[in-house]
Amino acid sequence: MERKLQSVGVTLSPQMVDKLDHLASSRGVSRSEAIRVSLELGVPLLHLGIAINGQRALTILEHTQLALSLLVQKQYPEDSDELIEVAMRNVREHHA
């Protein structure tokens, strides 16, 4: 299905343009695609009244991951590698 896109003018600081260009370059996409992805992620959260502190959220996620990994490795060492493989497969299938 073809996506219909509409051009929208936006004024950004030079620092934000640099960040978007770095993101686009690292992902191999255009600046426009980087902006679209950012808006697709951010607008629904803002609509819900949710403001995300990215560094805090990532720290919580990483801490939770490490704590859970440690528990699994200690309690169920025979399942540890398989769980990691399934998690990585899920990431590729659902978040690529």
Protein backbone atom coordinates (compact mmCIF):
# COMPACT_ATOMS: atom_id res chain seq x y z
CA MET A 1 0.00 0.00 0.00
CA GLU A 2 1.38 3.38 -1.03
CA ARG A 3 1.81 5.97 1.69
CA LYS A 4 0.53 9.41 0.82
CA LEU A 5 2.83 12.02 2.28
CA GLN A 6 2.33 15.75 2.71
CA SER A 7 5.17 18.22 2.96
CA VAL A 8 5.23 20.33 6.13
CA GLY A 9 7.68 23.14 6.77
CA VAL A 10 9.37 23.15 10.13
CA THR A 11 12.07 25.38 11.62
CA LEU A 12 14.66 23.66 13.81
CA SER A 13 17.77 24.71 15.64
CA PRO A 14 21.10 23.86 14.00
CA GLN A 15 21.77 21.44 16.87
CA MET A 16 18.52 19.54 16.20
CA VAL A 17 19.28 19.39 12.48
CA ASP A 18 22.71 17.94 13.33
CA LYS A 19 21.09 15.34 15.60
CA LEU A 20 18.56 14.39 12.93
CA ASP A 21 21.26 14.16 10.27
CA HIS A 22 23.37 11.94 12.53
CA LEU A 23 20.35 9.72 13.22
CA ALA A 24 19.47 9.53 9.54
CA SER A 25 23.05 8.72 8.57
CA SER A 26 23.44 6.04 11.22
CA ARG A 27 20.16 4.40 10.12
CA GLY A 28 20.77 4.81 6.40
CA VAL A 29 17.61 6.86 5.87
CA SER A 30 16.80 10.37 4.71
CA ARG A 31 16.45 13.33 7.04
CA SER A 32 12.71 13.31 6.26
CA GLU A 33 12.41 9.66 7.30
CA ALA A 34 14.28 10.38 10.55
CA ILE A 35 11.83 13.20 11.27
CA ARG A 36 8.82 10.98 10.42
CA VAL A 37 10.03 8.20 12.75
CA SER A 38 10.67 10.69 15.54
CA LEU A 39 7.19 12.15 15.20
CA GLU A 40 5.53 8.74 14.94
CA LEU A 41 7.11 7.82 18.27
CA GLY A 42 6.77 11.15 20.04
CA VAL A 43 3.35 12.48 19.04
CA PRO A 44 1.32 9.57 20.52
CA LEU A 45 3.19 9.91 23.82
CA LEU A 46 2.66 13.67 23.93
CA HIS A 47 -1.01 13.18 23.04
CA LEU A 48 -1.32 10.96 26.13
CA GLY A 49 0.39 13.62 28.23
CA ILE A 50 3.48 11.49 28.69
CA ALA A 51 6.84 13.20 28.77
CA ILE A 52 9.78 10.81 28.57
CA ASN A 53 13.18 11.42 30.07
CA GLY A 54 15.13 9.27 27.64
CA GLN A 55 18.21 8.77 29.79
CA ARG A 56 16.14 7.78 32.82
CA ALA A 57 13.94 5.42 30.79
CA LEU A 58 16.95 3.71 29.22
CA THR A 59 18.67 3.42 32.60
CA ILE A 60 15.57 1.75 34.06
CA LEU A 61 15.31 -0.60 31.09
CA GLU A 62 18.98 -1.53 31.25
CA HIS A 63 18.90 -2.05 35.03
CA THR A 64 15.77 -4.20 34.77
CA GLN A 65 17.35 -6.24 31.96
CA LEU A 66 20.54 -6.81 33.92
CA ALA A 67 18.69 -7.75 37.11
CA LEU A 68 16.41 -10.18 35.27
CA SER A 69 19.35 -11.70 33.36
CA LEU A 70 21.21 -12.26 36.61
CA LEU A 71 18.19 -13.95 38.19
CA VAL A 72 17.65 -16.20 35.15
CA GLN A 73 21.34 -17.14 34.99
CA LYS A 74 21.36 -18.08 38.67
CA GLN A 75 17.96 -19.77 38.89
CA TYR A 76 17.65 -21.31 35.40
CA PRO A 77 21.13 -21.45 33.81
CA GLU A 78 20.04 -24.09 31.29
CA ASP A 79 17.41 -21.69 29.83
CA SER A 80 19.52 -18.54 29.77
CA ASP A 81 20.96 -18.79 26.24
CA GLU A 82 17.63 -19.79 24.70
CA LEU A 83 15.86 -16.84 26.32
CA ILE A 84 18.42 -14.44 24.87
CA GLU A 85 18.00 -15.97 21.40
CA VAL A 86 14.20 -15.68 21.60
CA ALA A 87 14.46 -12.09 22.82
CA MET A 88 16.74 -11.15 19.93
CA ARG A 89 14.43 -12.86 17.44
CA ASN A 90 11.48 -10.91 18.87
CA VAL A 91 13.41 -7.66 18.55
CA ARG A 92 14.16 -8.36 14.89
CA GLU A 93 10.56 -9.37 14.13
CA HIS A 94 8.76 -6.64 16.05
CA HIS A 95 11.13 -3.68 16.30
CA ALA A 96 13.27 -3.67 13.16
